[in-house]
């Protein structure tokens, strides 16, 4: 947004699964710039939509998925003169690089063996690869951590390409509870390939059940994250089980979204209303009459 304002942009825009739109709307409001947000109708968490509405962005719901919204905003940026805020914009990736710079600084420039991150549009993966290359070339780190990108099984074109030794990526119709990575045609594919190759990294997929199981564990520890973030934890568990991450290795897991970003998924899990998901750690709310006897029953209930 700062870049757009400096170059005299009249309106900023993005397609989003919800997180980018919330950030763009917020920073655009602070900068005094109008913002246009394109999201998929019925496929975007209400907590994320509420942020765009509150910050004053013109919020447009597309009858389609994120990939349709992305294609439309790419077309519209020329015709309508929009400053595009998606990660296809290289200045956006420069900002995302700071996640790695700050993490390495906090680790006193002693890099972990692995960095694990969810993969949707692959902006983070691309930015992380660039940041690690620069940190190593500048002599700030003595080794390059391996990058692991975790995709949801229902939105896994990058993982499939990795398994096929980087044959041409085939877009998919994305379907996953992890709405932030529900992307079937990532625009940063080539840059993310470079990041995986440079870091000798891997790409893995996890099922929605694995994601929600990981979320339940993470939430119960008081951290709290939306499903897409929890793909990181599920992916680490899987890579350890497959002996790709060894027990002595240090791992940095990136969580990309707060629990409240997708409250519907959390409530659905604990109320056991998510189709196809077994909620082994369900903790549904209890409704009682306002009596001490009723309250006591709740306290002694297992």
C-alpha atoms as a PDB file:
ATOM      1  CA  UNK A   1       0.000   0.000   0.000  1.00  0.00           C
ATOM      2  CA  UNK A   2       2.879   2.372   0.772  1.00  0.00           C
ATOM      3  CA  UNK A   3       4.325   1.571  -2.660  1.00  0.00           C
ATOM      4  CA  UNK A   4       0.978   2.225  -4.324  1.00  0.00           C
ATOM      5  CA  UNK A   5       0.518   5.559  -2.573  1.00  0.00           C
ATOM      6  CA  UNK A   6       4.048   6.673  -3.439  1.00  0.00           C
ATOM      7  CA  UNK A   7       3.483   6.017  -7.142  1.00  0.00           C
ATOM      8  CA  UNK A   8       0.209   7.930  -7.107  1.00  0.00           C
ATOM      9  CA  UNK A   9      -2.272   5.054  -7.245  1.00  0.00           C
ATOM     10  CA  UNK A  10      -5.925   6.082  -7.127  1.00  0.00           C
ATOM     11  CA  UNK A  11      -7.327   2.775  -5.877  1.00  0.00           C
ATOM     12  CA  UNK A  12      -5.791  -0.443  -4.550  1.00  0.00           C
ATOM     13  CA  UNK A  13      -7.313  -3.852  -5.171  1.00  0.00           C
ATOM     14  CA  UNK A  14      -6.844  -7.544  -4.560  1.00  0.00           C
ATOM     15  CA  UNK A  15      -8.468 -10.917  -4.928  1.00  0.00           C
ATOM     16  CA  UNK A  16      -8.398 -12.795  -1.666  1.00  0.00           C
ATOM     17  CA  UNK A  17      -9.420 -15.801   0.368  1.00  0.00           C
ATOM     18  CA  UNK A  18      -9.784 -13.270   3.178  1.00  0.00           C
ATOM     19  CA  UNK A  19      -6.470 -12.487   4.835  1.00  0.00           C
ATOM     20  CA  UNK A  20      -4.953 -10.316   2.114  1.00  0.00           C
ATOM     21  CA  UNK A  21      -8.225  -8.428   1.764  1.00  0.00           C
ATOM     22  CA  UNK A  22      -8.344  -7.661   5.492  1.00  0.00           C
ATOM     23  CA  UNK A  23      -4.783  -6.323   5.444  1.00  0.00           C
ATOM     24  CA  UNK A  24      -5.246  -4.317   2.261  1.00  0.00           C
ATOM     25  CA  UNK A  25      -8.485  -2.793   3.549  1.00  0.00           C
ATOM     26  CA  UNK A  26      -6.864  -1.829   6.844  1.00  0.00           C
ATOM     27  CA  UNK A  27      -3.723  -0.267   5.411  1.00  0.00           C
ATOM     28  CA  UNK A  28      -5.623   1.443   2.606  1.00  0.00           C
ATOM     29  CA  UNK A  29      -7.919   3.059   5.166  1.00  0.00           C
ATOM     30  CA  UNK A  30      -4.901   4.281   7.132  1.00  0.00           C
ATOM     31  CA  UNK A  31      -3.316   5.626   3.939  1.00  0.00           C
ATOM     32  CA  UNK A  32      -6.491   7.333   2.775  1.00  0.00           C
ATOM     33  CA  UNK A  33      -6.731   5.223  -0.380  1.00  0.00           C
ATOM     34  CA  UNK A  34      -9.924   3.597  -1.689  1.00  0.00           C
ATOM     35  CA  UNK A  35      -9.768  -0.210  -1.788  1.00  0.00           C
ATOM     36  CA  UNK A  36     -11.616  -2.798  -3.849  1.00  0.00           C
ATOM     37  CA  UNK A  37     -11.719  -6.357  -2.544  1.00  0.00           C
ATOM     38  CA  UNK A  38     -12.757  -9.404  -4.597  1.00  0.00           C
ATOM     39  CA  UNK A  39     -13.686 -12.552  -2.665  1.00  0.00           C
ATOM     40  CA  UNK A  40     -15.511 -15.765  -3.502  1.00  0.00           C
ATOM     41  CA  UNK A  41     -19.173 -15.724  -2.528  1.00  0.00           C
ATOM     42  CA  UNK A  42     -19.956 -18.263   0.185  1.00  0.00           C
ATOM     43  CA  UNK A  43     -16.341 -19.429   0.378  1.00  0.00           C
ATOM     44  CA  UNK A  44     -14.749 -16.739   2.519  1.00  0.00           C
ATOM     45  CA  UNK A  45     -14.773 -16.764   6.323  1.00  0.00           C
ATOM     46  CA  UNK A  46     -17.132 -14.142   7.724  1.00  0.00           C
ATOM     47  CA  UNK A  47     -14.504 -12.936  10.200  1.00  0.00           C
ATOM     48  CA  UNK A  48     -12.316 -11.887   7.299  1.00  0.00           C
ATOM     49  CA  UNK A  49     -15.135 -10.290   5.322  1.00  0.00           C
ATOM     50  CA  UNK A  50     -16.133  -8.299   8.408  1.00  0.00           C
ATOM     51  CA  UNK A  51     -12.706  -6.669   8.491  1.00  0.00           C
ATOM     52  CA  UNK A  52     -12.930  -5.485   4.890  1.00  0.00           C
ATOM     53  CA  UNK A  53     -16.409  -4.097   5.494  1.00  0.00           C
ATOM     54  CA  UNK A  54     -15.383  -2.356   8.709  1.00  0.00           C
ATOM     55  CA  UNK A  55     -12.352  -0.711   7.104  1.00  0.00           C
ATOM     56  CA  UNK A  56     -14.495   0.738   4.341  1.00  0.00           C
ATOM     57  CA  UNK A  57     -13.299  -1.303   1.369  1.00  0.00           C
ATOM     58  CA  UNK A  58     -15.622  -1.843  -1.572  1.00  0.00           C
ATOM     59  CA  UNK A  59     -16.180  -5.565  -1.089  1.00  0.00           C
ATOM     60  CA  UNK A  60     -17.248  -7.520  -4.172  1.00  0.00           C
ATOM     61  CA  UNK A  61     -18.341 -11.149  -3.960  1.00  0.00           C
ATOM     62  CA  UNK A  62     -17.642 -13.207  -7.066  1.00  0.00           C
ATOM     63  CA  UNK A  63     -19.913 -16.054  -8.126  1.00  0.00           C
ATOM     64  CA  UNK A  64     -17.013 -18.467  -8.331  1.00  0.00           C
ATOM     65  CA  UNK A  65     -13.864 -19.351  -6.422  1.00  0.00           C
ATOM     66  CA  UNK A  66     -10.665 -17.496  -5.545  1.00  0.00           C
ATOM     67  CA  UNK A  67      -9.059 -18.400  -8.853  1.00  0.00           C
ATOM     68  CA  UNK A  68     -11.949 -16.756 -10.721  1.00  0.00           C
ATOM     69  CA  UNK A  69     -11.573 -13.658  -8.545  1.00  0.00           C
ATOM     70  CA  UNK A  70      -7.832 -13.610  -9.212  1.00  0.00           C
ATOM     71  CA  UNK A  71      -8.337 -13.847 -12.966  1.00  0.00           C
ATOM     72  CA  UNK A  72     -10.850 -11.000 -12.862  1.00  0.00           C
ATOM     73  CA  UNK A  73      -8.699  -8.637 -10.808  1.00  0.00           C
ATOM     74  CA  UNK A  74      -5.720  -9.314 -13.099  1.00  0.00           C
ATOM     75  CA  UNK A  75      -7.896  -8.323 -16.047  1.00  0.00           C
ATOM     76  CA  UNK A  76      -9.318  -5.299 -14.235  1.00  0.00           C
ATOM     77  CA  UNK A  77      -6.009  -3.774 -13.164  1.00  0.00           C
ATOM     78  CA  UNK A  78      -5.314  -2.540 -16.701  1.00  0.00           C
ATOM     79  CA  UNK A  79      -8.810  -1.541 -17.747  1.00  0.00           C
ATOM     80  CA  UNK A  80      -9.810   0.056 -14.435  1.00  0.00           C
ATOM     81  CA  UNK A  81      -6.404   1.369 -13.386  1.00  0.00           C
ATOM     82  CA  UNK A  82      -6.152  -0.635 -10.172  1.00  0.00           C
ATOM     83  CA  UNK A  83      -2.959  -0.988  -8.143  1.00  0.00           C
ATOM     84  CA  UNK A  84      -2.814  -4.730  -7.532  1.00  0.00           C
ATOM     85  CA  UNK A  85      -1.895  -5.823  -4.003  1.00  0.00           C
ATOM     86  CA  UNK A  86      -1.706  -9.586  -4.583  1.00  0.00           C
ATOM     87  CA  UNK A  87       1.618 -11.395  -4.336  1.00  0.00           C
ATOM     88  CA  UNK A  88       2.059 -11.241  -8.100  1.00  0.00           C
ATOM     89  CA  UNK A  89       3.190  -7.709  -7.206  1.00  0.00           C
ATOM     90  CA  UNK A  90       6.917  -8.033  -6.370  1.00  0.00           C
ATOM     91  CA  UNK A  91       6.721  -5.295  -3.732  1.00  0.00           C
ATOM     92  CA  UNK A  92       4.251  -7.464  -1.820  1.00  0.00           C
ATOM     93  CA  UNK A  93       6.794 -10.308  -1.732  1.00  0.00           C
ATOM     94  CA  UNK A  94       9.460  -7.915  -0.478  1.00  0.00           C
ATOM     95  CA  UNK A  95       7.231  -7.286   2.510  1.00  0.00           C
ATOM     96  CA  UNK A  96       6.629 -10.980   3.094  1.00  0.00           C
ATOM     97  CA  UNK A  97      10.388 -11.544   3.166  1.00  0.00           C
ATOM     98  CA  UNK A  98      10.500  -9.727   6.504  1.00  0.00           C
ATOM     99  CA  UNK A  99       8.873 -12.743   8.179  1.00  0.00           C
ATOM    100  CA  UNK A 100      12.118 -14.618   7.592  1.00  0.00           C
ATOM    101  CA  UNK A 101      14.382 -11.672   8.400  1.00  0.00           C
ATOM    102  CA  UNK A 102      12.657 -11.150  11.747  1.00  0.00           C
ATOM    103  CA  UNK A 103      12.639 -14.866  12.567  1.00  0.00           C
ATOM    104  CA  UNK A 104      16.355 -15.199  11.818  1.00  0.00           C
ATOM    105  CA  UNK A 105      17.110 -12.119  13.892  1.00  0.00           C
ATOM    106  CA  UNK A 106      15.172 -13.578  16.836  1.00  0.00           C
ATOM    107  CA  UNK A 107      17.186 -16.779  16.454  1.00  0.00           C
ATOM    108  CA  UNK A 108      20.387 -14.698  16.636  1.00  0.00           C
ATOM    109  CA  UNK A 109      21.100 -15.629  13.003  1.00  0.00           C
ATOM    110  CA  UNK A 110      21.431 -19.317  13.903  1.00  0.00           C
ATOM    111  CA  UNK A 111      19.075 -20.765  11.285  1.00  0.00           C
ATOM    112  CA  UNK A 112      16.796 -23.747  11.899  1.00  0.00           C
ATOM    113  CA  UNK A 113      17.116 -26.902   9.834  1.00  0.00           C
ATOM    114  CA  UNK A 114      13.602 -26.524   8.439  1.00  0.00           C
ATOM    115  CA  UNK A 115      11.075 -23.779   7.816  1.00  0.00           C
ATOM    116  CA  UNK A 116       7.530 -25.069   7.303  1.00  0.00           C
ATOM    117  CA  UNK A 117       4.737 -22.937   5.840  1.00  0.00           C
ATOM    118  CA  UNK A 118       1.270 -23.487   4.332  1.00  0.00           C
ATOM    119  CA  UNK A 119       0.984 -23.146   0.573  1.00  0.00           C
ATOM    120  CA  UNK A 120      -1.928 -21.598  -1.304  1.00  0.00           C
ATOM    121  CA  UNK A 121      -1.041 -18.853  -3.770  1.00  0.00           C
ATOM    122  CA  UNK A 122       2.607 -19.552  -2.805  1.00  0.00           C
ATOM    123  CA  UNK A 123       3.530 -15.957  -2.032  1.00  0.00           C
ATOM    124  CA  UNK A 124       5.087 -16.833   1.315  1.00  0.00           C
ATOM    125  CA  UNK A 125       7.035 -19.751  -0.150  1.00  0.00           C
ATOM    126  CA  UNK A 126       8.405 -17.506  -2.901  1.00  0.00           C
ATOM    127  CA  UNK A 127       9.297 -14.685  -0.521  1.00  0.00           C
ATOM    128  CA  UNK A 128      10.910 -17.058   1.966  1.00  0.00           C
ATOM    129  CA  UNK A 129      13.141 -18.541  -0.708  1.00  0.00           C
ATOM    130  CA  UNK A 130      14.293 -15.073  -1.775  1.00  0.00           C
ATOM    131  CA  UNK A 131      14.916 -13.985   1.818  1.00  0.00           C
ATOM    132  CA  UNK A 132      16.966 -17.099   2.586  1.00  0.00           C
ATOM    133  CA  UNK A 133      19.048 -16.682  -0.556  1.00  0.00           C
ATOM    134  CA  UNK A 134      19.800 -13.074   0.338  1.00  0.00           C
ATOM    135  CA  UNK A 135      20.596 -13.877   3.971  1.00  0.00           C
ATOM    136  CA  UNK A 136      23.044 -16.576   2.899  1.00  0.00           C
ATOM    137  CA  UNK A 137      24.650 -14.479   0.152  1.00  0.00           C
ATOM    138  CA  UNK A 138      25.153 -11.644   2.637  1.00  0.00           C
ATOM    139  CA  UNK A 139      26.843 -13.994   5.083  1.00  0.00           C
ATOM    140  CA  UNK A 140      24.188 -13.504   7.752  1.00  0.00           C
ATOM    141  CA  UNK A 141      23.516 -17.244   8.040  1.00  0.00           C
ATOM    142  CA  UNK A 142      25.952 -20.139   7.720  1.00  0.00           C
ATOM    143  CA  UNK A 143      23.506 -22.551   6.101  1.00  0.00           C
ATOM    144  CA  UNK A 144      20.226 -22.428   4.212  1.00  0.00           C
ATOM    145  CA  UNK A 145      17.263 -24.045   5.992  1.00  0.00           C
ATOM    146  CA  UNK A 146      15.183 -26.475   3.972  1.00  0.00           C
ATOM    147  CA  UNK A 147      11.764 -25.128   3.076  1.00  0.00           C
ATOM    148  CA  UNK A 148       8.689 -27.353   3.397  1.00  0.00           C
ATOM    149  CA  UNK A 149       5.453 -26.159   1.802  1.00  0.00           C
ATOM    150  CA  UNK A 150       2.285 -27.846   3.053  1.00  0.00           C
ATOM    151  CA  UNK A 151      -0.856 -27.925   0.925  1.00  0.00           C
ATOM    152  CA  UNK A 152      -4.343 -29.148   1.722  1.00  0.00           C
ATOM    153  CA  UNK A 153      -5.167 -32.381  -0.092  1.00  0.00           C
ATOM    154  CA  UNK A 154      -8.106 -30.706  -1.831  1.00  0.00           C
ATOM    155  CA  UNK A 155      -5.962 -27.836  -3.132  1.00  0.00           C
ATOM    156  CA  UNK A 156      -2.632 -29.407  -3.990  1.00  0.00           C
ATOM    157  CA  UNK A 157      -1.438 -28.570  -7.537  1.00  0.00           C
ATOM    158  CA  UNK A 158       2.004 -27.536  -6.257  1.00  0.00           C
ATOM    159  CA  UNK A 159       2.441 -30.799  -4.377  1.00  0.00           C
ATOM    160  CA  UNK A 160       1.413 -32.829  -7.413  1.00  0.00           C
ATOM    161  CA  UNK A 161       3.918 -30.943  -9.573  1.00  0.00           C
ATOM    162  CA  UNK A 162       6.639 -31.612  -6.986  1.00  0.00           C
ATOM    163  CA  UNK A 163       5.824 -35.328  -7.002  1.00  0.00           C
ATOM    164  CA  UNK A 164       6.028 -35.302 -10.805  1.00  0.00           C
ATOM    165  CA  UNK A 165       9.506 -33.719 -10.692  1.00  0.00           C
ATOM    166  CA  UNK A 166       8.163 -30.314 -11.673  1.00  0.00           C
ATOM    167  CA  UNK A 167       6.177 -31.336 -14.697  1.00  0.00           C
ATOM    168  CA  UNK A 168       3.848 -28.554 -15.801  1.00  0.00           C
ATOM    169  CA  UNK A 169       1.440 -27.630 -13.030  1.00  0.00           C
ATOM    170  CA  UNK A 170      -2.167 -28.638 -13.604  1.00  0.00           C
ATOM    171  CA  UNK A 171      -4.684 -26.319 -11.896  1.00  0.00           C
ATOM    172  CA  UNK A 172      -7.344 -27.987  -9.752  1.00  0.00           C
ATOM    173  CA  UNK A 173     -10.801 -27.084  -8.472  1.00  0.00           C
ATOM    174  CA  UNK A 174      -9.848 -26.346  -4.883  1.00  0.00           C
ATOM    175  CA  UNK A 175     -11.909 -27.844  -2.061  1.00  0.00           C
ATOM    176  CA  UNK A 176     -10.720 -27.715   1.550  1.00  0.00           C
ATOM    177  CA  UNK A 177     -11.832 -26.472   4.963  1.00  0.00           C
ATOM    178  CA  UNK A 178      -8.602 -24.475   5.080  1.00  0.00           C
ATOM    179  CA  UNK A 179     -10.115 -21.496   3.281  1.00  0.00           C
ATOM    180  CA  UNK A 180      -6.956 -19.361   3.265  1.00  0.00           C
ATOM    181  CA  UNK A 181      -5.185 -21.917   1.064  1.00  0.00           C
ATOM    182  CA  UNK A 182      -8.225 -22.945  -0.986  1.00  0.00           C
ATOM    183  CA  UNK A 183      -6.466 -22.031  -4.217  1.00  0.00           C
ATOM    184  CA  UNK A 184      -6.234 -24.245  -7.272  1.00  0.00           C
ATOM    185  CA  UNK A 185      -4.089 -22.153  -9.612  1.00  0.00           C
ATOM    186  CA  UNK A 186      -1.338 -20.359  -7.634  1.00  0.00           C
ATOM    187  CA  UNK A 187       0.112 -17.336  -9.409  1.00  0.00           C
ATOM    188  CA  UNK A 188       3.536 -17.701  -7.778  1.00  0.00           C
ATOM    189  CA  UNK A 189       4.171 -21.246  -8.992  1.00  0.00           C
ATOM    190  CA  UNK A 190       7.460 -20.634 -10.818  1.00  0.00           C
ATOM    191  CA  UNK A 191       8.933 -18.521  -8.027  1.00  0.00           C
ATOM    192  CA  UNK A 192       7.960 -21.139  -5.455  1.00  0.00           C
ATOM    193  CA  UNK A 193       9.603 -23.858  -7.558  1.00  0.00           C
ATOM    194  CA  UNK A 194      12.824 -21.855  -7.433  1.00  0.00           C
ATOM    195  CA  UNK A 195      12.494 -21.557  -3.656  1.00  0.00           C
ATOM    196  CA  UNK A 196      12.068 -25.309  -3.184  1.00  0.00           C
ATOM    197  CA  UNK A 197      14.950 -26.117  -5.515  1.00  0.00           C
ATOM    198  CA  UNK A 198      17.287 -23.583  -3.904  1.00  0.00           C
ATOM    199  CA  UNK A 199      16.585 -24.784  -0.355  1.00  0.00           C
ATOM    200  CA  UNK A 200      16.460 -28.483  -1.300  1.00  0.00           C
ATOM    201  CA  UNK A 201      12.990 -28.388   0.141  1.00  0.00           C
ATOM    202  CA  UNK A 202       9.904 -30.552  -0.072  1.00  0.00           C
ATOM    203  CA  UNK A 203       6.189 -30.173  -0.692  1.00  0.00           C
ATOM    204  CA  UNK A 204       3.611 -32.278   1.141  1.00  0.00           C
ATOM    205  CA  UNK A 205      -0.165 -32.529   1.360  1.00  0.00           C
ATOM    206  CA  UNK A 206      -2.352 -33.118   4.400  1.00  0.00           C
ATOM    207  CA  UNK A 207      -6.026 -34.035   4.591  1.00  0.00           C
ATOM    208  CA  UNK A 208      -8.611 -31.783   6.201  1.00  0.00           C
ATOM    209  CA  UNK A 209      -8.917 -34.288   9.049  1.00  0.00           C
ATOM    210  CA  UNK A 210      -5.193 -33.958   9.745  1.00  0.00           C
ATOM    211  CA  UNK A 211      -5.489 -30.178   9.627  1.00  0.00           C
ATOM    212  CA  UNK A 212      -8.396 -30.072  12.078  1.00  0.00           C
ATOM    213  CA  UNK A 213      -6.706 -32.576  14.402  1.00  0.00           C
ATOM    214  CA  UNK A 214      -3.620 -30.361  14.445  1.00  0.00           C
ATOM    215  CA  UNK A 215      -5.787 -27.305  15.027  1.00  0.00           C
ATOM    216  CA  UNK A 216      -7.460 -28.920  18.037  1.00  0.00           C
ATOM    217  CA  UNK A 217      -4.057 -29.640  19.593  1.00  0.00           C
ATOM    218  CA  UNK A 218      -2.679 -26.190  18.811  1.00  0.00           C
ATOM    219  CA  UNK A 219      -5.782 -24.422  20.094  1.00  0.00           C
ATOM    220  CA  UNK A 220      -5.791 -26.456  23.315  1.00  0.00           C
ATOM    221  CA  UNK A 221      -2.252 -25.237  23.971  1.00  0.00           C
ATOM    222  CA  UNK A 222      -3.544 -21.658  23.991  1.00  0.00           C
ATOM    223  CA  UNK A 223      -2.044 -20.621  20.661  1.00  0.00           C
ATOM    224  CA  UNK A 224      -5.145 -20.537  18.466  1.00  0.00           C
ATOM    225  CA  UNK A 225      -4.910 -20.533  14.671  1.00  0.00           C
ATOM    226  CA  UNK A 226      -7.164 -20.813  11.656  1.00  0.00           C
ATOM    227  CA  UNK A 227      -7.179 -24.118   9.704  1.00  0.00           C
ATOM    228  CA  UNK A 228      -4.736 -23.010   6.986  1.00  0.00           C
ATOM    229  CA  UNK A 229      -2.121 -22.194   9.623  1.00  0.00           C
ATOM    230  CA  UNK A 230      -2.624 -25.588  11.196  1.00  0.00           C
ATOM    231  CA  UNK A 231      -1.594 -27.233   7.940  1.00  0.00           C
ATOM    232  CA  UNK A 232       1.905 -26.285   9.097  1.00  0.00           C
ATOM    233  CA  UNK A 233       1.572 -28.351  12.280  1.00  0.00           C
ATOM    234  CA  UNK A 234      -0.062 -31.262  10.460  1.00  0.00           C
ATOM    235  CA  UNK A 235       2.710 -31.121   7.874  1.00  0.00           C
ATOM    236  CA  UNK A 236       5.459 -31.172  10.485  1.00  0.00           C
ATOM    237  CA  UNK A 237       3.859 -34.216  12.101  1.00  0.00           C
ATOM    238  CA  UNK A 238       3.668 -35.964   8.734  1.00  0.00           C
ATOM    239  CA  UNK A 239       7.241 -35.146   7.731  1.00  0.00           C
ATOM    240  CA  UNK A 240       8.533 -36.398  11.090  1.00  0.00           C
ATOM    241  CA  UNK A 241       6.542 -39.625  10.698  1.00  0.00           C
ATOM    242  CA  UNK A 242       8.029 -40.072   7.220  1.00  0.00           C
ATOM    243  CA  UNK A 243      11.555 -39.477   8.630  1.00  0.00           C
ATOM    244  CA  UNK A 244      12.060 -36.494   6.343  1.00  0.00           C
ATOM    245  CA  UNK A 245      12.395 -34.250   9.370  1.00  0.00           C
ATOM    246  CA  UNK A 246      14.686 -36.012  11.831  1.00  0.00           C
ATOM    247  CA  UNK A 247      14.191 -35.891  15.573  1.00  0.00           C
ATOM    248  CA  UNK A 248      17.309 -33.838  16.297  1.00  0.00           C
ATOM    249  CA  UNK A 249      16.510 -31.156  13.714  1.00  0.00           C
ATOM    250  CA  UNK A 250      15.247 -27.692  14.612  1.00  0.00           C
ATOM    251  CA  UNK A 251      12.022 -26.639  12.915  1.00  0.00           C
ATOM    252  CA  UNK A 252      10.470 -23.199  12.500  1.00  0.00           C
ATOM    253  CA  UNK A 253       6.737 -23.487  11.824  1.00  0.00           C
ATOM    254  CA  UNK A 254       4.959 -20.466  10.360  1.00  0.00           C
ATOM    255  CA  UNK A 255       1.365 -19.837  11.479  1.00  0.00           C
ATOM    256  CA  UNK A 256      -0.275 -17.408   9.088  1.00  0.00           C
ATOM    257  CA  UNK A 257      -3.668 -16.611  10.640  1.00  0.00           C
ATOM    258  CA  UNK A 258      -5.295 -16.164  14.040  1.00  0.00           C
ATOM    259  CA  UNK A 259      -8.071 -18.444  15.316  1.00  0.00           C
ATOM    260  CA  UNK A 260     -10.662 -15.670  15.014  1.00  0.00           C
ATOM    261  CA  UNK A 261      -9.978 -15.355  11.282  1.00  0.00           C
ATOM    262  CA  UNK A 262     -12.138 -18.439  10.704  1.00  0.00           C
ATOM    263  CA  UNK A 263     -14.295 -18.840  13.798  1.00  0.00           C
ATOM    264  CA  UNK A 264     -16.884 -20.872  11.874  1.00  0.00           C
ATOM    265  CA  UNK A 265     -14.400 -23.720  11.462  1.00  0.00           C
ATOM    266  CA  UNK A 266     -13.606 -23.719  15.172  1.00  0.00           C
ATOM    267  CA  UNK A 267     -17.234 -23.691  16.279  1.00  0.00           C
ATOM    268  CA  UNK A 268     -18.162 -26.281  13.658  1.00  0.00           C
ATOM    269  CA  UNK A 269     -15.443 -28.609  14.907  1.00  0.00           C
ATOM    270  CA  UNK A 270     -16.485 -28.417  18.540  1.00  0.00           C
ATOM    271  CA  UNK A 271     -20.198 -28.687  17.724  1.00  0.00           C
ATOM    272  CA  UNK A 272     -19.301 -31.604  15.429  1.00  0.00           C
ATOM    273  CA  UNK A 273     -21.076 -30.147  12.414  1.00  0.00           C
ATOM    274  CA  UNK A 274     -18.180 -30.227   9.922  1.00  0.00           C
ATOM    275  CA  UNK A 275     -18.940 -32.792   7.230  1.00  0.00           C
ATOM    276  CA  UNK A 276     -16.414 -35.612   7.090  1.00  0.00           C
ATOM    277  CA  UNK A 277     -14.512 -34.504  10.204  1.00  0.00           C
ATOM    278  CA  UNK A 278     -14.242 -36.601  13.359  1.00  0.00           C
ATOM    279  CA  UNK A 279     -13.886 -34.224  16.306  1.00  0.00           C
ATOM    280  CA  UNK A 280     -11.962 -36.305  18.843  1.00  0.00           C
ATOM    281  CA  UNK A 281     -11.299 -33.204  20.970  1.00  0.00           C
ATOM    282  CA  UNK A 282     -14.765 -31.668  20.704  1.00  0.00           C
ATOM    283  CA  UNK A 283     -15.539 -29.181  23.470  1.00  0.00           C
ATOM    284  CA  UNK A 284     -19.043 -27.921  22.734  1.00  0.00           C
ATOM    285  CA  UNK A 285     -20.704 -25.275  24.857  1.00  0.00           C
ATOM    286  CA  UNK A 286     -23.318 -26.331  27.437  1.00  0.00           C
ATOM    287  CA  UNK A 287     -26.663 -24.591  28.037  1.00  0.00           C
ATOM    288  CA  UNK A 288     -28.191 -24.801  31.530  1.00  0.00           C
ATOM    289  CA  UNK A 289     -30.857 -23.227  33.698  1.00  0.00           C
ATOM    290  CA  UNK A 290     -29.440 -20.678  36.164  1.00  0.00           C
ATOM    291  CA  UNK A 291     -29.304 -23.006  39.175  1.00  0.00           C
ATOM    292  CA  UNK A 292     -26.395 -24.179  41.302  1.00  0.00           C
ATOM    293  CA  UNK A 293     -27.407 -27.815  40.835  1.00  0.00           C
ATOM    294  CA  UNK A 294     -27.226 -27.512  37.058  1.00  0.00           C
ATOM    295  CA  UNK A 295     -23.856 -25.792  37.267  1.00  0.00           C
ATOM    296  CA  UNK A 296     -22.532 -28.488  39.567  1.00  0.00           C
ATOM    297  CA  UNK A 297     -23.514 -31.150  37.040  1.00  0.00           C
ATOM    298  CA  UNK A 298     -21.439 -29.366  34.415  1.00  0.00           C
ATOM    299  CA  UNK A 299     -18.410 -29.258  36.696  1.00  0.00           C
ATOM    300  CA  UNK A 300     -18.475 -32.977  37.458  1.00  0.00           C
ATOM    301  CA  UNK A 301     -19.267 -34.009  33.888  1.00  0.00           C
ATOM    302  CA  UNK A 302     -16.257 -35.675  32.215  1.00  0.00           C
END
